[in-house]
Amino acid sequence: MSQSGVITFKGNPMTLAGSELAIGQTAPDFSLHYAHEGLKELKLADLKGKPSMISIVPSLDTPTCAIQTKKFNEQLGELGDKINAVTVSRDLPFAQARFCGAENVSMRTASDYQTHAFGEDYGVEIEELKLLSRAVIVLDAEGKVVYKQIVAEVTEEPNYEGALQALKDLVG
C-alpha cells in the first residue's frame, strides 16, 4: 500500500510506502541498528516502559536533519531518563555515531539501512528516493502512538512544540 499527496520534496509530490499509523495504534515492532562498541540492535521492546519520541529524518548529513536532531537533543535533555528518544534515518550507524560525536548529540540514533522495514511499517519511506521522510512519532510507555507528524514538505522542520508537549503530557 502507498500514500499519495501526503508529502512533497522541494515542492515535488512524493509517495510514501506503507500504511499510515493511527493515533492509538500499537506501534509496529522494528529492528534498527546503531553503533556502540560494534553494531547493536534496537527493537520496540527496548523502548517500552517509558514514553518515547522517535524523530525520523532523511539523512543527518543534511542541514535540516542536523537542526532537527540537535534541537530535539537539546530540548529533551531536561526530561533526562524519564523518556526514550531516538533519531532514525537510513544513514549507516557509523555515520550516525560520527555525527553525534562531532555535534555533541547524546540522543540515541538508529538506522533502517539493513531491511528498510521500519520505513514501510511506519509509513514514512519515500518510494521515489528510498529515504525516510521527516516525521516525529511519540509513543506511550506501552508503545501506543499518541502523537505523530509527517512533515508535509520534507525540507521543512517539524512542529517541535507539539511533539515535546505530547511527550511532556505523558511524563506528567
C-alpha atoms as a PDB file:
ATOM      1  CA  MET A   1       0.000   0.000   0.000  1.00  0.00           C
ATOM      2  CA  SER A   2       1.159   3.534  -0.714  1.00  0.00           C
ATOM      3  CA  GLN A   3       0.144   7.018   0.360  1.00  0.00           C
ATOM      4  CA  SER A   4      -0.007   9.802  -2.218  1.00  0.00           C
ATOM      5  CA  GLY A   5      -0.495  13.507  -1.602  1.00  0.00           C
ATOM      6  CA  VAL A   6       0.972  13.457   1.919  1.00  0.00           C
ATOM      7  CA  ILE A   7       4.399  14.998   1.306  1.00  0.00           C
ATOM      8  CA  THR A   8       6.466  16.972  -1.137  1.00  0.00           C
ATOM      9  CA  PHE A   9      10.228  17.203  -1.515  1.00  0.00           C
ATOM     10  CA  LYS A  10      11.356  20.625  -2.749  1.00  0.00           C
ATOM     11  CA  GLY A  11       7.794  21.150  -3.953  1.00  0.00           C
ATOM     12  CA  ASN A  12       7.608  17.886  -5.900  1.00  0.00           C
ATOM     13  CA  PRO A  13       4.900  15.398  -4.821  1.00  0.00           C
ATOM     14  CA  MET A  14       6.292  12.166  -3.393  1.00  0.00           C
ATOM     15  CA  THR A  15       4.749   8.812  -2.464  1.00  0.00           C
ATOM     16  CA  LEU A  16       5.072   7.203   0.965  1.00  0.00           C
ATOM     17  CA  ALA A  17       5.327   3.421   1.095  1.00  0.00           C
ATOM     18  CA  GLY A  18       3.245   1.566   3.636  1.00  0.00           C
ATOM     19  CA  SER A  19       0.158   2.468   5.601  1.00  0.00           C
ATOM     20  CA  GLU A  20      -0.406   5.497   7.777  1.00  0.00           C
ATOM     21  CA  LEU A  21      -0.019   4.975  11.535  1.00  0.00           C
ATOM     22  CA  ALA A  22      -3.105   5.877  13.525  1.00  0.00           C
ATOM     23  CA  ILE A  23      -3.218   7.599  16.901  1.00  0.00           C
ATOM     24  CA  GLY A  24      -3.991   4.912  19.489  1.00  0.00           C
ATOM     25  CA  GLN A  25      -2.479   2.155  17.366  1.00  0.00           C
ATOM     26  CA  THR A  26       0.221  -0.060  18.863  1.00  0.00           C
ATOM     27  CA  ALA A  27       3.433   0.853  17.061  1.00  0.00           C
ATOM     28  CA  PRO A  28       4.812  -1.862  14.776  1.00  0.00           C
ATOM     29  CA  ASP A  29       7.854  -3.717  16.054  1.00  0.00           C
ATOM     30  CA  PHE A  30      11.138  -2.830  14.408  1.00  0.00           C
ATOM     31  CA  SER A  31      14.744  -3.923  14.176  1.00  0.00           C
ATOM     32  CA  LEU A  32      17.099  -0.975  13.782  1.00  0.00           C
ATOM     33  CA  HIS A  33      20.869  -0.853  14.212  1.00  0.00           C
ATOM     34  CA  TYR A  34      23.239   1.527  15.951  1.00  0.00           C
ATOM     35  CA  ALA A  35      26.974   1.716  16.529  1.00  0.00           C
ATOM     36  CA  HIS A  36      28.196   1.361  20.103  1.00  0.00           C
ATOM     37  CA  GLU A  37      31.253  -0.849  20.555  1.00  0.00           C
ATOM     38  CA  GLY A  38      30.226  -2.622  17.351  1.00  0.00           C
ATOM     39  CA  LEU A  39      26.782  -2.926  15.797  1.00  0.00           C
ATOM     40  CA  LYS A  40      23.847  -3.321  18.181  1.00  0.00           C
ATOM     41  CA  GLU A  41      20.156  -3.884  17.565  1.00  0.00           C
ATOM     42  CA  LEU A  42      17.323  -1.676  18.818  1.00  0.00           C
ATOM     43  CA  LYS A  43      13.775  -3.048  18.971  1.00  0.00           C
ATOM     44  CA  LEU A  44      10.465  -1.548  20.027  1.00  0.00           C
ATOM     45  CA  ALA A  45      10.628  -3.665  23.194  1.00  0.00           C
ATOM     46  CA  ASP A  46      13.762  -1.725  24.203  1.00  0.00           C
ATOM     47  CA  LEU A  47      11.685   1.475  24.348  1.00  0.00           C
ATOM     48  CA  LYS A  48       8.740   0.122  26.313  1.00  0.00           C
ATOM     49  CA  GLY A  49       8.377   1.155  29.939  1.00  0.00           C
ATOM     50  CA  LYS A  50       8.930   4.873  29.245  1.00  0.00           C
ATOM     51  CA  PRO A  51       7.324   7.381  26.896  1.00  0.00           C
ATOM     52  CA  SER A  52       9.351   7.609  23.705  1.00  0.00           C
ATOM     53  CA  MET A  53       9.972  10.071  20.913  1.00  0.00           C
ATOM     54  CA  ILE A  54      11.050   8.790  17.521  1.00  0.00           C
ATOM     55  CA  SER A  55      12.443  11.613  15.405  1.00  0.00           C
ATOM     56  CA  ILE A  56      12.689  10.482  11.780  1.00  0.00           C
ATOM     57  CA  VAL A  57      14.951  12.220   9.255  1.00  0.00           C
ATOM     58  CA  PRO A  58      16.143  11.504   5.700  1.00  0.00           C
ATOM     59  CA  SER A  59      19.867  11.973   6.486  1.00  0.00           C
ATOM     60  CA  LEU A  60      21.846  13.511   9.334  1.00  0.00           C
ATOM     61  CA  ASP A  61      24.264  14.889   6.733  1.00  0.00           C
ATOM     62  CA  THR A  62      21.749  17.498   5.579  1.00  0.00           C
ATOM     63  CA  PRO A  63      21.181  20.878   7.258  1.00  0.00           C
ATOM     64  CA  THR A  64      17.502  20.497   8.239  1.00  0.00           C
ATOM     65  CA  CYS A  65      18.023  16.988   9.596  1.00  0.00           C
ATOM     66  CA  ALA A  66      21.022  18.167  11.635  1.00  0.00           C
ATOM     67  CA  ILE A  67      19.000  21.086  13.028  1.00  0.00           C
ATOM     68  CA  GLN A  68      16.088  18.799  13.947  1.00  0.00           C
ATOM     69  CA  THR A  69      18.337  16.311  15.709  1.00  0.00           C
ATOM     70  CA  LYS A  70      20.272  18.975  17.610  1.00  0.00           C
ATOM     71  CA  LYS A  71      17.106  20.848  18.672  1.00  0.00           C
ATOM     72  CA  PHE A  72      15.409  17.712  19.975  1.00  0.00           C
ATOM     73  CA  ASN A  73      18.633  16.636  21.697  1.00  0.00           C
ATOM     74  CA  GLU A  74      18.829  19.997  23.478  1.00  0.00           C
ATOM     75  CA  GLN A  75      15.143  20.252  24.368  1.00  0.00           C
ATOM     76  CA  LEU A  76      14.776  16.659  25.544  1.00  0.00           C
ATOM     77  CA  GLY A  77      17.743  16.945  27.892  1.00  0.00           C
ATOM     78  CA  GLU A  78      15.552  18.344  30.675  1.00  0.00           C
ATOM     79  CA  LEU A  79      13.468  15.140  30.715  1.00  0.00           C
ATOM     80  CA  GLY A  80      16.574  13.039  31.338  1.00  0.00           C
ATOM     81  CA  ASP A  81      15.979   9.336  31.836  1.00  0.00           C
ATOM     82  CA  LYS A  82      12.184   9.725  32.166  1.00  0.00           C
ATOM     83  CA  ILE A  83      11.895   9.172  28.407  1.00  0.00           C
ATOM     84  CA  ASN A  84      13.466   7.406  25.465  1.00  0.00           C
ATOM     85  CA  ALA A  85      14.468   9.443  22.446  1.00  0.00           C
ATOM     86  CA  VAL A  86      15.857   8.123  19.199  1.00  0.00           C
ATOM     87  CA  THR A  87      16.566   9.635  15.801  1.00  0.00           C
ATOM     88  CA  VAL A  88      16.021   7.211  12.926  1.00  0.00           C
ATOM     89  CA  SER A  89      17.481   7.586   9.436  1.00  0.00           C
ATOM     90  CA  ARG A  90      18.929   5.403   6.703  1.00  0.00           C
ATOM     91  CA  ASP A  91      22.447   6.701   7.379  1.00  0.00           C
ATOM     92  CA  LEU A  92      24.898   3.964   8.297  1.00  0.00           C
ATOM     93  CA  PRO A  93      25.210   3.533  12.068  1.00  0.00           C
ATOM     94  CA  PHE A  94      28.863   4.576  11.936  1.00  0.00           C
ATOM     95  CA  ALA A  95      27.980   7.842  10.152  1.00  0.00           C
ATOM     96  CA  GLN A  96      25.281   8.469  12.770  1.00  0.00           C
ATOM     97  CA  ALA A  97      27.819   7.935  15.562  1.00  0.00           C
ATOM     98  CA  ARG A  98      30.304  10.251  13.851  1.00  0.00           C
ATOM     99  CA  PHE A  99      27.631  12.968  13.528  1.00  0.00           C
ATOM    100  CA  CYS A 100      26.666  12.656  17.209  1.00  0.00           C
ATOM    101  CA  GLY A 101      30.296  12.873  18.305  1.00  0.00           C
ATOM    102  CA  ALA A 102      31.030  15.896  16.131  1.00  0.00           C
ATOM    103  CA  GLU A 103      27.835  17.728  17.174  1.00  0.00           C
ATOM    104  CA  ASN A 104      27.783  16.716  20.883  1.00  0.00           C
ATOM    105  CA  VAL A 105      24.457  14.923  20.437  1.00  0.00           C
ATOM    106  CA  SER A 106      23.687  12.416  23.179  1.00  0.00           C
ATOM    107  CA  MET A 107      20.303  11.392  21.755  1.00  0.00           C
ATOM    108  CA  ARG A 108      20.355   7.808  20.522  1.00  0.00           C
ATOM    109  CA  THR A 109      20.418   7.256  16.768  1.00  0.00           C
ATOM    110  CA  ALA A 110      19.398   4.106  14.935  1.00  0.00           C
ATOM    111  CA  SER A 111      19.499   3.115  11.300  1.00  0.00           C
ATOM    112  CA  ASP A 112      16.968   1.469   8.996  1.00  0.00           C
ATOM    113  CA  TYR A 113      19.708   0.742   6.452  1.00  0.00           C
ATOM    114  CA  GLN A 114      19.539  -3.068   6.567  1.00  0.00           C
ATOM    115  CA  THR A 115      15.966  -4.110   5.856  1.00  0.00           C
ATOM    116  CA  HIS A 116      14.147  -0.803   5.189  1.00  0.00           C
ATOM    117  CA  ALA A 117      11.209  -2.414   7.047  1.00  0.00           C
ATOM    118  CA  PHE A 118      10.866   0.448   9.559  1.00  0.00           C
ATOM    119  CA  GLY A 119      10.198   2.959   6.784  1.00  0.00           C
ATOM    120  CA  GLU A 120       7.404   0.921   5.259  1.00  0.00           C
ATOM    121  CA  ASP A 121       5.932  -0.324   8.556  1.00  0.00           C
ATOM    122  CA  TYR A 122       5.735   3.242   9.879  1.00  0.00           C
ATOM    123  CA  GLY A 123       4.524   4.683   6.551  1.00  0.00           C
ATOM    124  CA  VAL A 124       7.494   7.041   6.187  1.00  0.00           C
ATOM    125  CA  GLU A 125       9.581   5.641   3.319  1.00  0.00           C
ATOM    126  CA  ILE A 126       9.716   7.953   0.312  1.00  0.00           C
ATOM    127  CA  GLU A 127       9.296   5.492  -2.553  1.00  0.00           C
ATOM    128  CA  GLU A 128      10.987   7.691  -5.153  1.00  0.00           C
ATOM    129  CA  LEU A 129      14.088   8.392  -3.028  1.00  0.00           C
ATOM    130  CA  LYS A 130      14.339   5.250  -0.867  1.00  0.00           C
ATOM    131  CA  LEU A 131      14.905   7.580   2.092  1.00  0.00           C
ATOM    132  CA  LEU A 132      12.811   8.159   5.184  1.00  0.00           C
ATOM    133  CA  SER A 133      10.542  11.175   5.226  1.00  0.00           C
ATOM    134  CA  ARG A 134      10.723  13.777   8.004  1.00  0.00           C
ATOM    135  CA  ALA A 135       8.392  12.767  10.835  1.00  0.00           C
ATOM    136  CA  VAL A 136       8.005  12.679  14.610  1.00  0.00           C
ATOM    137  CA  ILE A 137       6.190   9.938  16.497  1.00  0.00           C
ATOM    138  CA  VAL A 138       5.542   9.894  20.240  1.00  0.00           C
ATOM    139  CA  LEU A 139       4.710   6.598  21.940  1.00  0.00           C
ATOM    140  CA  ASP A 140       3.362   5.989  25.419  1.00  0.00           C
ATOM    141  CA  ALA A 141       5.148   3.595  27.786  1.00  0.00           C
ATOM    142  CA  GLU A 142       3.246   0.636  26.290  1.00  0.00           C
ATOM    143  CA  GLY A 143       4.227   1.508  22.715  1.00  0.00           C
ATOM    144  CA  LYS A 144       0.958   3.063  21.530  1.00  0.00           C
ATOM    145  CA  VAL A 145       1.066   6.036  19.155  1.00  0.00           C
ATOM    146  CA  VAL A 146      -0.107   9.198  20.964  1.00  0.00           C
ATOM    147  CA  TYR A 147       1.285  11.828  18.561  1.00  0.00           C
ATOM    148  CA  LYS A 148       2.556  11.833  15.014  1.00  0.00           C
ATOM    149  CA  GLN A 149       3.523  14.383  12.462  1.00  0.00           C
ATOM    150  CA  ILE A 150       4.641  13.605   8.960  1.00  0.00           C
ATOM    151  CA  VAL A 151       6.093  16.930   7.832  1.00  0.00           C
ATOM    152  CA  ALA A 152       4.295  17.922   4.608  1.00  0.00           C
ATOM    153  CA  GLU A 153       7.404  19.431   2.960  1.00  0.00           C
ATOM    154  CA  VAL A 154      10.429  17.240   3.659  1.00  0.00           C
ATOM    155  CA  THR A 155      12.840  20.193   3.634  1.00  0.00           C
ATOM    156  CA  GLU A 156      10.979  21.955   6.484  1.00  0.00           C
ATOM    157  CA  GLU A 157      11.374  21.417  10.231  1.00  0.00           C
ATOM    158  CA  PRO A 158       8.762  19.617  12.334  1.00  0.00           C
ATOM    159  CA  ASN A 159       6.460  21.097  14.969  1.00  0.00           C
ATOM    160  CA  TYR A 160       8.880  20.814  17.905  1.00  0.00           C
ATOM    161  CA  GLU A 161       6.436  22.255  20.437  1.00  0.00           C
ATOM    162  CA  GLY A 162       3.630  19.824  19.549  1.00  0.00           C
ATOM    163  CA  ALA A 163       5.865  16.775  19.822  1.00  0.00           C
ATOM    164  CA  LEU A 164       7.513  17.941  23.040  1.00  0.00           C
ATOM    165  CA  GLN A 165       4.141  18.759  24.627  1.00  0.00           C
ATOM    166  CA  ALA A 166       2.804  15.291  23.768  1.00  0.00           C
ATOM    167  CA  LEU A 167       5.864  13.755  25.389  1.00  0.00           C
ATOM    168  CA  LYS A 168       5.684  16.004  28.473  1.00  0.00           C
ATOM    169  CA  ASP A 169       1.988  15.173  28.914  1.00  0.00           C
ATOM    170  CA  LEU A 170       2.962  11.504  29.243  1.00  0.00           C
ATOM    171  CA  VAL A 171       5.698  12.207  31.787  1.00  0.00           C
ATOM    172  CA  GLY A 172       3.371  14.298  33.944  1.00  0.00           C
END
